[in-house]
Amino acid sequence: METAAYIAIVALILQYPLLESRIQKIQRRADRIERKLDLILGHLDIQVAEPGMERVVALVRQGKKIEAIKVYRELTDAGLKEAKDAVERMEMA
């Protein structure tokens, strides 16, 4: 019985990189879709208000860019570059 358990554990360990690779591929695809959707919304000049974004906008207007980026990341779980780009777009608007 122990041998079967060890074999099952080894099989799971060997499959982990395949699962991780698949998850990363799905995440990259979701990121591409989100960027395309953002471009479409921007082209159509449609603003989608996310809860809490008014706080980010207020910080941008106060010139507190770094704090605005931090809050944006907290609200959206975005990466640093994505949050920085979003806040910079808000500065231009």
C-alpha atoms as a PDB file:
ATOM      1  CA  MET A   1       0.000   0.000   0.000  1.00  0.00           C
ATOM      2  CA  GLU A   2       2.875   2.387   0.797  1.00  0.00           C
ATOM      3  CA  THR A   3       4.377   1.772  -2.623  1.00  0.00           C
ATOM      4  CA  ALA A   4       1.155   2.820  -4.309  1.00  0.00           C
ATOM      5  CA  ALA A   5       1.061   6.014  -2.263  1.00  0.00           C
ATOM      6  CA  TYR A   6       4.661   6.838  -3.178  1.00  0.00           C
ATOM      7  CA  ILE A   7       3.931   6.203  -6.849  1.00  0.00           C
ATOM      8  CA  ALA A   8       0.889   8.494  -6.673  1.00  0.00           C
ATOM      9  CA  ILE A   9       2.935  11.247  -5.005  1.00  0.00           C
ATOM     10  CA  VAL A  10       5.707  10.964  -7.593  1.00  0.00           C
ATOM     11  CA  ALA A  11       3.149  11.078 -10.389  1.00  0.00           C
ATOM     12  CA  LEU A  12       1.644  14.259  -8.953  1.00  0.00           C
ATOM     13  CA  ILE A  13       5.063  15.844  -8.565  1.00  0.00           C
ATOM     14  CA  LEU A  14       5.944  15.016 -12.161  1.00  0.00           C
ATOM     15  CA  GLN A  15       2.667  16.498 -13.433  1.00  0.00           C
ATOM     16  CA  TYR A  16       3.059  19.787 -11.520  1.00  0.00           C
ATOM     17  CA  PRO A  17       5.246  21.517 -14.152  1.00  0.00           C
ATOM     18  CA  LEU A  18       2.723  20.607 -16.832  1.00  0.00           C
ATOM     19  CA  LEU A  19      -0.129  22.059 -14.796  1.00  0.00           C
ATOM     20  CA  GLU A  20       1.855  25.185 -13.963  1.00  0.00           C
ATOM     21  CA  SER A  21       2.720  25.675 -17.623  1.00  0.00           C
ATOM     22  CA  ARG A  22      -0.919  25.336 -18.607  1.00  0.00           C
ATOM     23  CA  ILE A  23      -2.015  27.821 -15.937  1.00  0.00           C
ATOM     24  CA  GLN A  24       0.583  30.349 -17.131  1.00  0.00           C
ATOM     25  CA  LYS A  25      -0.601  29.917 -20.714  1.00  0.00           C
ATOM     26  CA  ILE A  26      -4.219  30.545 -19.668  1.00  0.00           C
ATOM     27  CA  GLN A  27      -3.137  33.612 -17.649  1.00  0.00           C
ATOM     28  CA  ARG A  28      -1.247  35.074 -20.626  1.00  0.00           C
ATOM     29  CA  ARG A  29      -4.287  34.521 -22.835  1.00  0.00           C
ATOM     30  CA  ALA A  30      -6.589  36.180 -20.287  1.00  0.00           C
ATOM     31  CA  ASP A  31      -4.171  39.134 -20.080  1.00  0.00           C
ATOM     32  CA  ARG A  32      -4.209  39.516 -23.890  1.00  0.00           C
ATOM     33  CA  ILE A  33      -8.006  39.404 -23.944  1.00  0.00           C
ATOM     34  CA  GLU A  34      -8.199  42.016 -21.190  1.00  0.00           C
ATOM     35  CA  ARG A  35      -5.796  44.330 -23.056  1.00  0.00           C
ATOM     36  CA  LYS A  36      -7.873  43.984 -26.234  1.00  0.00           C
ATOM     37  CA  LEU A  37     -11.057  44.720 -24.333  1.00  0.00           C
ATOM     38  CA  ASP A  38      -9.430  47.802 -22.797  1.00  0.00           C
ATOM     39  CA  LEU A  39      -8.452  48.987 -26.286  1.00  0.00           C
ATOM     40  CA  ILE A  40     -11.993  48.480 -27.564  1.00  0.00           C
ATOM     41  CA  LEU A  41     -13.485  50.349 -24.614  1.00  0.00           C
ATOM     42  CA  GLY A  42     -10.956  53.144 -25.109  1.00  0.00           C
ATOM     43  CA  HIS A  43     -11.707  53.356 -28.830  1.00  0.00           C
ATOM     44  CA  LEU A  44     -15.425  53.591 -28.120  1.00  0.00           C
ATOM     45  CA  ASP A  45     -14.674  56.120 -25.345  1.00  0.00           C
ATOM     46  CA  ILE A  46     -16.505  53.997 -22.795  1.00  0.00           C
ATOM     47  CA  GLN A  47     -15.445  54.517 -19.205  1.00  0.00           C
ATOM     48  CA  VAL A  48     -16.027  51.605 -16.852  1.00  0.00           C
ATOM     49  CA  ALA A  49     -16.021  52.779 -13.279  1.00  0.00           C
ATOM     50  CA  GLU A  50     -14.547  50.236 -10.919  1.00  0.00           C
ATOM     51  CA  PRO A  51     -15.351  50.451  -7.217  1.00  0.00           C
ATOM     52  CA  GLY A  52     -12.733  52.487  -5.379  1.00  0.00           C
ATOM     53  CA  MET A  53     -11.247  54.089  -8.495  1.00  0.00           C
ATOM     54  CA  GLU A  54     -12.452  57.509  -7.390  1.00  0.00           C
ATOM     55  CA  ARG A  55      -9.821  57.293  -4.642  1.00  0.00           C
ATOM     56  CA  VAL A  56      -7.110  56.619  -7.245  1.00  0.00           C
ATOM     57  CA  VAL A  57      -8.329  59.500  -9.405  1.00  0.00           C
ATOM     58  CA  ALA A  58      -8.299  61.820  -6.379  1.00  0.00           C
ATOM     59  CA  LEU A  59      -4.698  60.836  -5.600  1.00  0.00           C
ATOM     60  CA  VAL A  60      -3.695  61.451  -9.220  1.00  0.00           C
ATOM     61  CA  ARG A  61      -5.284  64.909  -9.099  1.00  0.00           C
ATOM     62  CA  GLN A  62      -3.367  65.647  -5.889  1.00  0.00           C
ATOM     63  CA  GLY A  63      -0.121  64.703  -7.628  1.00  0.00           C
ATOM     64  CA  LYS A  64       0.415  61.622  -5.438  1.00  0.00           C
ATOM     65  CA  LYS A  65       1.309  59.271  -8.272  1.00  0.00           C
ATOM     66  CA  ILE A  66       3.145  56.625  -6.233  1.00  0.00           C
ATOM     67  CA  GLU A  67       0.330  56.383  -3.696  1.00  0.00           C
ATOM     68  CA  ALA A  68      -2.189  56.211  -6.563  1.00  0.00           C
ATOM     69  CA  ILE A  69      -0.249  53.292  -8.075  1.00  0.00           C
ATOM     70  CA  LYS A  70      -0.243  51.476  -4.719  1.00  0.00           C
ATOM     71  CA  VAL A  71      -3.990  51.928  -4.271  1.00  0.00           C
ATOM     72  CA  TYR A  72      -4.651  50.892  -7.879  1.00  0.00           C
ATOM     73  CA  ARG A  73      -2.667  47.689  -7.307  1.00  0.00           C
ATOM     74  CA  GLU A  74      -4.606  46.950  -4.107  1.00  0.00           C
ATOM     75  CA  LEU A  75      -7.938  47.413  -5.875  1.00  0.00           C
ATOM     76  CA  THR A  76      -7.148  45.487  -9.055  1.00  0.00           C
ATOM     77  CA  ASP A  77      -4.352  43.034  -8.174  1.00  0.00           C
ATOM     78  CA  ALA A  78      -2.489  44.503 -11.149  1.00  0.00           C
ATOM     79  CA  GLY A  79       1.245  44.267 -11.562  1.00  0.00           C
ATOM     80  CA  LEU A  80       3.475  47.276 -11.039  1.00  0.00           C
ATOM     81  CA  LYS A  81       3.852  48.124 -14.736  1.00  0.00           C
ATOM     82  CA  GLU A  82       0.157  47.726 -15.461  1.00  0.00           C
ATOM     83  CA  ALA A  83      -0.762  49.927 -12.492  1.00  0.00           C
ATOM     84  CA  LYS A  84       1.822  52.559 -13.455  1.00  0.00           C
ATOM     85  CA  ASP A  85       0.540  52.641 -17.033  1.00  0.00           C
ATOM     86  CA  ALA A  86      -3.074  52.956 -15.832  1.00  0.00           C
ATOM     87  CA  VAL A  87      -2.250  55.816 -13.459  1.00  0.00           C
ATOM     88  CA  GLU A  88      -0.287  57.595 -16.194  1.00  0.00           C
ATOM     89  CA  ARG A  89      -3.309  57.287 -18.499  1.00  0.00           C
ATOM     90  CA  MET A  90      -5.404  58.876 -15.743  1.00  0.00           C
ATOM     91  CA  GLU A  91      -2.895  61.734 -15.536  1.00  0.00           C
ATOM     92  CA  MET A  92      -3.337  62.444 -19.238  1.00  0.00           C
ATOM     93  CA  ALA A  93      -7.139  62.334 -19.121  1.00  0.00           C
END
